[in-house]
Every structure is written in C-alpha cells, then in structure tokens.
Amino acid sequence: MAKKEILRVRGNIKEIYSKLSKTYAFIEEKYEKDIRARGLALLNIKKGEIILEIGFGTGSTLVEMAKAVGDSGKVHGIDLTPKMIELAINRLYR
C-alpha cells in the first residue's frame, strides 16, 4: 500500500472514531464488558509487568491493566484518535 493510501485510511479511521467517541464509551461498556474481561483473563497479567495496548479507545482496558500490574508495573497505550485519547485520559484520572 502506498504511503498516500495509508495516510488516507488513517485519516478515515480518525474521522470515524472521532464521530463515534461520544457514544462509543456507552456501547463499549454495555456490549464489550464480557469480552474485555475474558481477554484480560487470558492475558493473565502479573504485578510488575510492562504492557503496551495498541488502539486503546476509551481506555477501559488500560484502567484494568494498570490495576493488574500495580505500582511496580507500567501500562502504555497508543491510539490514532484524539477524541478517544481524551476520553481515556479522563477515565484514567477520575
């Protein structure tokens, strides 16, 4: 895929998730809660681990992973969408 095409796709993703961000947290909590819990169980996160979540969305899983690694671990995340990053920051620091 050409660089120009990659940038166009990335822009579309940002636009879509920016529009969805206001309702995504509600949808995520209602419909993804069990899937998220199962995924976290499969990860079997231990205290002190260092984790990177790619595409963290509203940060729900970041919060759970941060609790799991404790004070001796670290959780990092990246996301393309500024609105989702804003939601995650609010969730992490409330």
PDB file of N, CA and C in Angstrom:
ATOM      1  N   MET A   1       0.848  -1.167   0.000  1.00  0.00           N
ATOM      2  CA  MET A   1       0.000   0.000   0.000  1.00  0.00           C
ATOM      3  C   MET A   1       0.901   1.240   0.000  1.00  0.00           C
ATOM      4  N   ALA A   2       0.596   2.188  -0.845  1.00  0.00           N
ATOM      5  CA  ALA A   2       1.393   3.411  -0.954  1.00  0.00           C
ATOM      6  C   ALA A   2       1.186   4.302   0.267  1.00  0.00           C
ATOM      7  N   LYS A   3       2.198   5.113   0.562  1.00  0.00           N
ATOM      8  CA  LYS A   3       2.148   5.987   1.724  1.00  0.00           C
ATOM      9  C   LYS A   3       0.915   6.890   1.694  1.00  0.00           C
ATOM     10  N   LYS A   4       0.587   7.412   0.526  1.00  0.00           N
ATOM     11  CA  LYS A   4      -0.573   8.300   0.380  1.00  0.00           C
ATOM     12  C   LYS A   4      -1.865   7.566   0.768  1.00  0.00           C
ATOM     13  N   GLU A   5      -1.971   6.315   0.338  1.00  0.00           N
ATOM     14  CA  GLU A   5      -3.148   5.493   0.655  1.00  0.00           C
ATOM     15  C   GLU A   5      -3.223   5.202   2.150  1.00  0.00           C
ATOM     16  N   ILE A   6      -2.086   4.907   2.764  1.00  0.00           N
ATOM     17  CA  ILE A   6      -2.046   4.648   4.204  1.00  0.00           C
ATOM     18  C   ILE A   6      -2.510   5.879   4.968  1.00  0.00           C
ATOM     19  N   LEU A   7      -2.040   7.053   4.588  1.00  0.00           N
ATOM     20  CA  LEU A   7      -2.439   8.290   5.257  1.00  0.00           C
ATOM     21  C   LEU A   7      -3.931   8.560   5.081  1.00  0.00           C
ATOM     22  N   ARG A   8      -4.489   8.243   3.908  1.00  0.00           N
ATOM     23  CA  ARG A   8      -5.920   8.435   3.675  1.00  0.00           C
ATOM     24  C   ARG A   8      -6.738   7.505   4.573  1.00  0.00           C
ATOM     25  N   VAL A   9      -6.335   6.247   4.661  1.00  0.00           N
ATOM     26  CA  VAL A   9      -7.038   5.285   5.511  1.00  0.00           C
ATOM     27  C   VAL A   9      -6.953   5.714   6.965  1.00  0.00           C
ATOM     28  N   ARG A  10      -5.781   6.122   7.404  1.00  0.00           N
ATOM     29  CA  ARG A  10      -5.611   6.577   8.783  1.00  0.00           C
ATOM     30  C   ARG A  10      -6.511   7.774   9.071  1.00  0.00           C
ATOM     31  N   GLY A  11      -6.605   8.697   8.129  1.00  0.00           N
ATOM     32  CA  GLY A  11      -7.485   9.853   8.296  1.00  0.00           C
ATOM     33  C   GLY A  11      -8.941   9.449   8.414  1.00  0.00           C
ATOM     34  N   ASN A  12      -9.353   8.470   7.619  1.00  0.00           N
ATOM     35  CA  ASN A  12     -10.728   7.974   7.698  1.00  0.00           C
ATOM     36  C   ASN A  12     -11.016   7.336   9.051  1.00  0.00           C
ATOM     37  N   ILE A  13     -10.063   6.580   9.561  1.00  0.00           N
ATOM     38  CA  ILE A  13     -10.230   5.936  10.864  1.00  0.00           C
ATOM     39  C   ILE A  13     -10.386   6.993  11.951  1.00  0.00           C
ATOM     40  N   LYS A  14      -9.530   8.004  11.918  1.00  0.00           N
ATOM     41  CA  LYS A  14      -9.624   9.083  12.907  1.00  0.00           C
ATOM     42  C   LYS A  14     -10.987   9.759  12.847  1.00  0.00           C
ATOM     43  N   GLU A  15     -11.443  10.031  11.652  1.00  0.00           N
ATOM     44  CA  GLU A  15     -12.728  10.710  11.472  1.00  0.00           C
ATOM     45  C   GLU A  15     -13.882   9.856  12.003  1.00  0.00           C
ATOM     46  N   ILE A  16     -13.888   8.590  11.669  1.00  0.00           N
ATOM     47  CA  ILE A  16     -14.966   7.694  12.098  1.00  0.00           C
ATOM     48  C   ILE A  16     -14.997   7.586  13.622  1.00  0.00           C
ATOM     49  N   TYR A  17     -13.846   7.306  14.226  1.00  0.00           N
ATOM     50  CA  TYR A  17     -13.816   7.139  15.673  1.00  0.00           C
ATOM     51  C   TYR A  17     -14.021   8.458  16.421  1.00  0.00           C
ATOM     52  N   SER A  18     -13.666   9.571  15.823  1.00  0.00           N
ATOM     53  CA  SER A  18     -13.958  10.866  16.441  1.00  0.00           C
ATOM     54  C   SER A  18     -15.466  11.076  16.516  1.00  0.00           C
ATOM     55  N   LYS A  19     -16.153  10.705  15.444  1.00  0.00           N
ATOM     56  CA  LYS A  19     -17.612  10.834  15.434  1.00  0.00           C
ATOM     57  C   LYS A  19     -18.267   9.867  16.419  1.00  0.00           C
ATOM     58  N   LEU A  20     -17.710   8.679  16.527  1.00  0.00           N
ATOM     59  CA  LEU A  20     -18.271   7.649  17.415  1.00  0.00           C
ATOM     60  C   LEU A  20     -17.922   7.858  18.881  1.00  0.00           C
ATOM     61  N   SER A  21     -16.912   8.641  19.167  1.00  0.00           N
ATOM     62  CA  SER A  21     -16.361   8.723  20.519  1.00  0.00           C
ATOM     63  C   SER A  21     -17.396   9.055  21.586  1.00  0.00           C
ATOM     64  N   LYS A  22     -18.355   9.883  21.259  1.00  0.00           N
ATOM     65  CA  LYS A  22     -19.343  10.298  22.262  1.00  0.00           C
ATOM     66  C   LYS A  22     -20.224   9.143  22.726  1.00  0.00           C
ATOM     67  N   THR A  23     -20.551   8.236  21.820  1.00  0.00           N
ATOM     68  CA  THR A  23     -21.413   7.113  22.184  1.00  0.00           C
ATOM     69  C   THR A  23     -20.639   5.815  22.362  1.00  0.00           C
ATOM     70  N   TYR A  24     -19.403   5.792  21.938  1.00  0.00           N
ATOM     71  CA  TYR A  24     -18.618   4.559  21.977  1.00  0.00           C
ATOM     72  C   TYR A  24     -18.427   4.050  23.397  1.00  0.00           C
ATOM     73  N   ALA A  25     -18.192   4.944  24.351  1.00  0.00           N
ATOM     74  CA  ALA A  25     -17.974   4.520  25.737  1.00  0.00           C
ATOM     75  C   ALA A  25     -19.188   3.766  26.267  1.00  0.00           C
ATOM     76  N   PHE A  26     -20.375   4.236  25.952  1.00  0.00           N
ATOM     77  CA  PHE A  26     -21.601   3.560  26.386  1.00  0.00           C
ATOM     78  C   PHE A  26     -21.716   2.194  25.721  1.00  0.00           C
ATOM     79  N   ILE A  27     -21.524   2.174  24.419  1.00  0.00           N
ATOM     80  CA  ILE A  27     -21.632   0.927  23.659  1.00  0.00           C
ATOM     81  C   ILE A  27     -20.597  -0.079  24.163  1.00  0.00           C
ATOM     82  N   GLU A  28     -19.383   0.400  24.351  1.00  0.00           N
ATOM     83  CA  GLU A  28     -18.290  -0.455  24.806  1.00  0.00           C
ATOM     84  C   GLU A  28     -18.610  -1.069  26.166  1.00  0.00           C
ATOM     85  N   GLU A  29     -19.090  -0.269  27.088  1.00  0.00           N
ATOM     86  CA  GLU A  29     -19.380  -0.761  28.431  1.00  0.00           C
ATOM     87  C   GLU A  29     -20.484  -1.809  28.413  1.00  0.00           C
ATOM     88  N   LYS A  30     -21.493  -1.568  27.605  1.00  0.00           N
ATOM     89  CA  LYS A  30     -22.640  -2.467  27.567  1.00  0.00           C
ATOM     90  C   LYS A  30     -22.350  -3.763  26.817  1.00  0.00           C
ATOM     91  N   TYR A  31     -21.692  -3.678  25.689  1.00  0.00           N
ATOM     92  CA  TYR A  31     -21.543  -4.836  24.807  1.00  0.00           C
ATOM     93  C   TYR A  31     -20.172  -5.500  24.826  1.00  0.00           C
ATOM     94  N   GLU A  32     -19.156  -4.827  25.321  1.00  0.00           N
ATOM     95  CA  GLU A  32     -17.811  -5.397  25.280  1.00  0.00           C
ATOM     96  C   GLU A  32     -17.273  -5.802  26.650  1.00  0.00           C
ATOM     97  N   LYS A  33     -18.048  -5.576  27.688  1.00  0.00           N
ATOM     98  CA  LYS A  33     -17.584  -5.839  29.045  1.00  0.00           C
ATOM     99  C   LYS A  33     -17.147  -7.291  29.239  1.00  0.00           C
ATOM    100  N   ASP A  34     -17.959  -8.241  28.814  1.00  0.00           N
ATOM    101  CA  ASP A  34     -17.626  -9.661  28.983  1.00  0.00           C
ATOM    102  C   ASP A  34     -16.423 -10.069  28.130  1.00  0.00           C
ATOM    103  N   ILE A  35     -16.364  -9.551  26.911  1.00  0.00           N
ATOM    104  CA  ILE A  35     -15.235  -9.859  26.022  1.00  0.00           C
ATOM    105  C   ILE A  35     -13.940  -9.297  26.604  1.00  0.00           C
ATOM    106  N   ARG A  36     -14.009  -8.079  27.127  1.00  0.00           N
ATOM    107  CA  ARG A  36     -12.837  -7.443  27.728  1.00  0.00           C
ATOM    108  C   ARG A  36     -12.365  -8.251  28.944  1.00  0.00           C
ATOM    109  N   ALA A  37     -13.297  -8.680  29.780  1.00  0.00           N
ATOM    110  CA  ALA A  37     -12.950  -9.475  30.966  1.00  0.00           C
ATOM    111  C   ALA A  37     -12.291 -10.792  30.556  1.00  0.00           C
ATOM    112  N   ARG A  38     -12.807 -11.425  29.531  1.00  0.00           N
ATOM    113  CA  ARG A  38     -12.233 -12.688  29.052  1.00  0.00           C
ATOM    114  C   ARG A  38     -10.817 -12.465  28.496  1.00  0.00           C
ATOM    115  N   GLY A  39     -10.648 -11.394  27.727  1.00  0.00           N
ATOM    116  CA  GLY A  39      -9.327 -11.072  27.189  1.00  0.00           C
ATOM    117  C   GLY A  39      -8.314 -10.810  28.286  1.00  0.00           C
ATOM    118  N   LEU A  40      -8.728 -10.082  29.313  1.00  0.00           N
ATOM    119  CA  LEU A  40      -7.827  -9.808  30.436  1.00  0.00           C
ATOM    120  C   LEU A  40      -7.484 -11.086  31.185  1.00  0.00           C
ATOM    121  N   ALA A  41      -8.450 -11.974  31.328  1.00  0.00           N
ATOM    122  CA  ALA A  41      -8.188 -13.256  31.991  1.00  0.00           C
ATOM    123  C   ALA A  41      -7.169 -14.070  31.192  1.00  0.00           C
ATOM    124  N   LEU A  42      -7.314 -14.073  29.882  1.00  0.00           N
ATOM    125  CA  LEU A  42      -6.378 -14.810  29.030  1.00  0.00           C
ATOM    126  C   LEU A  42      -4.966 -14.215  29.086  1.00  0.00           C
ATOM    127  N   LEU A  43      -4.884 -12.899  29.231  1.00  0.00           N
ATOM    128  CA  LEU A  43      -3.564 -12.261  29.331  1.00  0.00           C
ATOM    129  C   LEU A  43      -2.843 -12.646  30.620  1.00  0.00           C
ATOM    130  N   ASN A  44      -3.617 -12.877  31.673  1.00  0.00           N
ATOM    131  CA  ASN A  44      -3.050 -13.294  32.955  1.00  0.00           C
ATOM    132  C   ASN A  44      -1.930 -12.340  33.397  1.00  0.00           C
ATOM    133  N   ILE A  45      -2.251 -11.072  33.446  1.00  0.00           N
ATOM    134  CA  ILE A  45      -1.284 -10.014  33.761  1.00  0.00           C
ATOM    135  C   ILE A  45      -0.780 -10.167  35.200  1.00  0.00           C
ATOM    136  N   LYS A  46       0.520  -9.985  35.355  1.00  0.00           N
ATOM    137  CA  LYS A  46       1.168 -10.097  36.662  1.00  0.00           C
ATOM    138  C   LYS A  46       1.664  -8.732  37.140  1.00  0.00           C
ATOM    139  N   LYS A  47       1.766  -8.599  38.456  1.00  0.00           N
ATOM    140  CA  LYS A  47       2.337  -7.390  39.051  1.00  0.00           C
ATOM    141  C   LYS A  47       3.726  -7.157  38.473  1.00  0.00           C
ATOM    142  N   GLY A  48       4.023  -5.898  38.177  1.00  0.00           N
ATOM    143  CA  GLY A  48       5.349  -5.534  37.701  1.00  0.00           C
ATOM    144  C   GLY A  48       5.558  -5.624  36.198  1.00  0.00           C
ATOM    145  N   GLU A  49       4.584  -6.153  35.474  1.00  0.00           N
ATOM    146  CA  GLU A  49       4.748  -6.268  34.024  1.00  0.00           C
ATOM    147  C   GLU A  49       4.675  -4.897  33.350  1.00  0.00           C
ATOM    148  N   ILE A  50       5.226  -4.835  32.151  1.00  0.00           N
ATOM    149  CA  ILE A  50       5.146  -3.639  31.313  1.00  0.00           C
ATOM    150  C   ILE A  50       4.332  -4.022  30.086  1.00  0.00           C
ATOM    151  N   ILE A  51       3.283  -3.257  29.821  1.00  0.00           N
ATOM    152  CA  ILE A  51       2.323  -3.603  28.774  1.00  0.00           C
ATOM    153  C   ILE A  51       2.122  -2.432  27.829  1.00  0.00           C
ATOM    154  N   LEU A  52       1.928  -2.737  26.548  1.00  0.00           N
ATOM    155  CA  LEU A  52       1.559  -1.747  25.539  1.00  0.00           C
ATOM    156  C   LEU A  52       0.234  -2.179  24.925  1.00  0.00           C
ATOM    157  N   GLU A  53      -0.764  -1.317  24.998  1.00  0.00           N
ATOM    158  CA  GLU A  53      -2.031  -1.582  24.316  1.00  0.00           C
ATOM    159  C   GLU A  53      -2.109  -0.678  23.093  1.00  0.00           C
ATOM    160  N   ILE A  54      -2.296  -1.292  21.954  1.00  0.00           N
ATOM    161  CA  ILE A  54      -2.387  -0.549  20.694  1.00  0.00           C
ATOM    162  C   ILE A  54      -3.856  -0.394  20.341  1.00  0.00           C
ATOM    163  N   GLY A  55      -4.293   0.849  20.168  1.00  0.00           N
ATOM    164  CA  GLY A  55      -5.702   1.129  19.865  1.00  0.00           C
ATOM    165  C   GLY A  55      -6.549   1.013  21.112  1.00  0.00           C
ATOM    166  N   PHE A  56      -6.215   1.783  22.156  1.00  0.00           N
ATOM    167  CA  PHE A  56      -6.876   1.622  23.448  1.00  0.00           C
ATOM    168  C   PHE A  56      -8.271   2.232  23.545  1.00  0.00           C
ATOM    169  N   GLY A  57      -8.683   2.982  22.538  1.00  0.00           N
ATOM    170  CA  GLY A  57     -10.053   3.527  22.553  1.00  0.00           C
ATOM    171  C   GLY A  57     -10.316   4.406  23.751  1.00  0.00           C
ATOM    172  N   THR A  58     -11.362   4.114  24.501  1.00  0.00           N
ATOM    173  CA  THR A  58     -11.749   4.945  25.634  1.00  0.00           C
ATOM    174  C   THR A  58     -10.966   4.650  26.903  1.00  0.00           C
ATOM    175  N   GLY A  59     -10.081   3.670  26.863  1.00  0.00           N
ATOM    176  CA  GLY A  59      -9.201   3.391  27.992  1.00  0.00           C
ATOM    177  C   GLY A  59      -9.725   2.408  29.028  1.00  0.00           C
ATOM    178  N   SER A  60     -10.854   1.779  28.782  1.00  0.00           N
ATOM    179  CA  SER A  60     -11.406   0.837  29.762  1.00  0.00           C
ATOM    180  C   SER A  60     -10.408  -0.249  30.137  1.00  0.00           C
ATOM    181  N   THR A  61      -9.790  -0.832  29.141  1.00  0.00           N
ATOM    182  CA  THR A  61      -8.850  -1.916  29.404  1.00  0.00           C
ATOM    183  C   THR A  61      -7.550  -1.387  30.000  1.00  0.00           C
ATOM    184  N   LEU A  62      -7.154  -0.170  29.623  1.00  0.00           N
ATOM    185  CA  LEU A  62      -5.962   0.436  30.218  1.00  0.00           C
ATOM    186  C   LEU A  62      -6.098   0.515  31.730  1.00  0.00           C
ATOM    187  N   VAL A  63      -7.264   0.917  32.195  1.00  0.00           N
ATOM    188  CA  VAL A  63      -7.512   1.043  33.637  1.00  0.00           C
ATOM    189  C   VAL A  63      -7.369  -0.315  34.311  1.00  0.00           C
ATOM    190  N   GLU A  64      -7.985  -1.329  33.736  1.00  0.00           N
ATOM    191  CA  GLU A  64      -7.924  -2.671  34.322  1.00  0.00           C
ATOM    192  C   GLU A  64      -6.500  -3.216  34.307  1.00  0.00           C
ATOM    193  N   MET A  65      -5.772  -2.977  33.226  1.00  0.00           N
ATOM    194  CA  MET A  65      -4.395  -3.460  33.151  1.00  0.00           C
ATOM    195  C   MET A  65      -3.510  -2.725  34.153  1.00  0.00           C
ATOM    196  N   ALA A  66      -3.739  -1.424  34.328  1.00  0.00           N
ATOM    197  CA  ALA A  66      -2.961  -0.652  35.305  1.00  0.00           C
ATOM    198  C   ALA A  66      -3.174  -1.194  36.716  1.00  0.00           C
ATOM    199  N   LYS A  67      -4.398  -1.546  37.040  1.00  0.00           N
ATOM    200  CA  LYS A  67      -4.666  -2.154  38.352  1.00  0.00           C
ATOM    201  C   LYS A  67      -3.926  -3.474  38.486  1.00  0.00           C
ATOM    202  N   ALA A  68      -3.923  -4.262  37.419  1.00  0.00           N
ATOM    203  CA  ALA A  68      -3.306  -5.589  37.458  1.00  0.00           C
ATOM    204  C   ALA A  68      -1.783  -5.539  37.614  1.00  0.00           C
ATOM    205  N   VAL A  69      -1.117  -4.578  36.963  1.00  0.00           N
ATOM    206  CA  VAL A  69       0.355  -4.511  37.060  1.00  0.00           C
ATOM    207  C   VAL A  69       0.803  -3.845  38.354  1.00  0.00           C
ATOM    208  N   GLY A  70      -0.093  -3.106  38.984  1.00  0.00           N
ATOM    209  CA  GLY A  70       0.235  -2.459  40.251  1.00  0.00           C
ATOM    210  C   GLY A  70       1.250  -1.346  40.118  1.00  0.00           C
ATOM    211  N   ASP A  71       1.720  -0.886  41.265  1.00  0.00           N
ATOM    212  CA  ASP A  71       2.665   0.240  41.296  1.00  0.00           C
ATOM    213  C   ASP A  71       4.032  -0.108  40.709  1.00  0.00           C
ATOM    214  N   SER A  72       4.363  -1.385  40.679  1.00  0.00           N
ATOM    215  CA  SER A  72       5.673  -1.782  40.171  1.00  0.00           C
ATOM    216  C   SER A  72       5.685  -2.012  38.657  1.00  0.00           C
ATOM    217  N   GLY A  73       4.516  -1.984  38.028  1.00  0.00           N
ATOM    218  CA  GLY A  73       4.427  -2.193  36.583  1.00  0.00           C
ATOM    219  C   GLY A  73       4.084  -0.915  35.855  1.00  0.00           C
ATOM    220  N   LYS A  74       3.983  -1.027  34.540  1.00  0.00           N
ATOM    221  CA  LYS A  74       3.629   0.130  33.706  1.00  0.00           C
ATOM    222  C   LYS A  74       2.727  -0.329  32.577  1.00  0.00           C
ATOM    223  N   VAL A  75       1.789   0.527  32.236  1.00  0.00           N
ATOM    224  CA  VAL A  75       0.929   0.283  31.082  1.00  0.00           C
ATOM    225  C   VAL A  75       1.018   1.493  30.179  1.00  0.00           C
ATOM    226  N   HIS A  76       1.331   1.250  28.922  1.00  0.00           N
ATOM    227  CA  HIS A  76       1.409   2.300  27.920  1.00  0.00           C
ATOM    228  C   HIS A  76       0.340   2.021  26.865  1.00  0.00           C
ATOM    229  N   GLY A  77      -0.108   3.055  26.204  1.00  0.00           N
ATOM    230  CA  GLY A  77      -1.084   2.848  25.149  1.00  0.00           C
ATOM    231  C   GLY A  77      -0.932   3.877  24.051  1.00  0.00           C
ATOM    232  N   ILE A  78      -1.352   3.478  22.858  1.00  0.00           N
ATOM    233  CA  ILE A  78      -1.388   4.401  21.730  1.00  0.00           C
ATOM    234  C   ILE A  78      -2.747   4.278  21.050  1.00  0.00           C
ATOM    235  N   ASP A  79      -3.187   5.371  20.485  1.00  0.00           N
ATOM    236  CA  ASP A  79      -4.427   5.398  19.719  1.00  0.00           C
ATOM    237  C   ASP A  79      -4.320   6.507  18.687  1.00  0.00           C
ATOM    238  N   LEU A  80      -4.969   6.327  17.559  1.00  0.00           N
ATOM    239  CA  LEU A  80      -4.921   7.321  16.473  1.00  0.00           C
ATOM    240  C   LEU A  80      -5.849   8.511  16.699  1.00  0.00           C
ATOM    241  N   THR A  81      -6.872   8.323  17.505  1.00  0.00           N
ATOM    242  CA  THR A  81      -7.957   9.296  17.570  1.00  0.00           C
ATOM    243  C   THR A  81      -7.846  10.215  18.781  1.00  0.00           C
ATOM    244  N   PRO A  82      -7.641  11.505  18.566  1.00  0.00           N
ATOM    245  CA  PRO A  82      -7.540  12.452  19.678  1.00  0.00           C
ATOM    246  C   PRO A  82      -8.747  12.419  20.624  1.00  0.00           C
ATOM    247  N   LYS A  83      -9.939  12.226  20.098  1.00  0.00           N
ATOM    248  CA  LYS A  83     -11.139  12.179  20.952  1.00  0.00           C
ATOM    249  C   LYS A  83     -11.104  10.965  21.871  1.00  0.00           C
ATOM    250  N   MET A  84     -10.652   9.830  21.355  1.00  0.00           N
ATOM    251  CA  MET A  84     -10.550   8.631  22.185  1.00  0.00           C
ATOM    252  C   MET A  84      -9.464   8.811  23.249  1.00  0.00           C
ATOM    253  N   ILE A  85      -8.364   9.439  22.874  1.00  0.00           N
ATOM    254  CA  ILE A  85      -7.291   9.713  23.833  1.00  0.00           C
ATOM    255  C   ILE A  85      -7.818  10.591  24.958  1.00  0.00           C
ATOM    256  N   GLU A  86      -8.599  11.595  24.609  1.00  0.00           N
ATOM    257  CA  GLU A  86      -9.194  12.481  25.602  1.00  0.00           C
ATOM    258  C   GLU A  86     -10.105  11.700  26.561  1.00  0.00           C
ATOM    259  N   LEU A  87     -10.938  10.829  26.020  1.00  0.00           N
ATOM    260  CA  LEU A  87     -11.814  10.004  26.858  1.00  0.00           C
ATOM    261  C   LEU A  87     -11.001   9.104  27.780  1.00  0.00           C
ATOM    262  N   ALA A  88      -9.936   8.519  27.249  1.00  0.00           N
ATOM    263  CA  ALA A  88      -9.097   7.631  28.063  1.00  0.00           C
ATOM    264  C   ALA A  88      -8.411   8.394  29.190  1.00  0.00           C
ATOM    265  N   ILE A  89      -7.899   9.565  28.884  1.00  0.00           N
ATOM    266  CA  ILE A  89      -7.246  10.381  29.922  1.00  0.00           C
ATOM    267  C   ILE A  89      -8.245  10.725  31.029  1.00  0.00           C
ATOM    268  N   ASN A  90      -9.444  11.104  30.635  1.00  0.00           N
ATOM    269  CA  ASN A  90     -10.479  11.411  31.637  1.00  0.00           C
ATOM    270  C   ASN A  90     -10.799  10.187  32.491  1.00  0.00           C
ATOM    271  N   ARG A  91     -10.871   9.026  31.864  1.00  0.00           N
ATOM    272  CA  ARG A  91     -11.164   7.783  32.585  1.00  0.00           C
ATOM    273  C   ARG A  91     -10.019   7.433  33.549  1.00  0.00           C
ATOM    274  N   LEU A  92      -8.788   7.605  33.106  1.00  0.00           N
ATOM    275  CA  LEU A  92      -7.626   7.245  33.920  1.00  0.00           C
ATOM    276  C   LEU A  92      -7.429   8.161  35.127  1.00  0.00           C
ATOM    277  N   TYR A  93      -7.833   9.403  34.997  1.00  0.00           N
ATOM    278  CA  TYR A  93      -7.555  10.369  36.050  1.00  0.00           C
ATOM    279  C   TYR A  93      -8.791  10.851  36.794  1.00  0.00           C
ATOM    280  N   ARG A  94      -9.854  10.074  36.756  1.00  0.00           N
ATOM    281  CA  ARG A  94     -11.035  10.481  37.547  1.00  0.00           C
ATOM    282  C   ARG A  94     -11.043   9.834  38.882  1.00  0.00           C
TER     283      ARG A  94
END
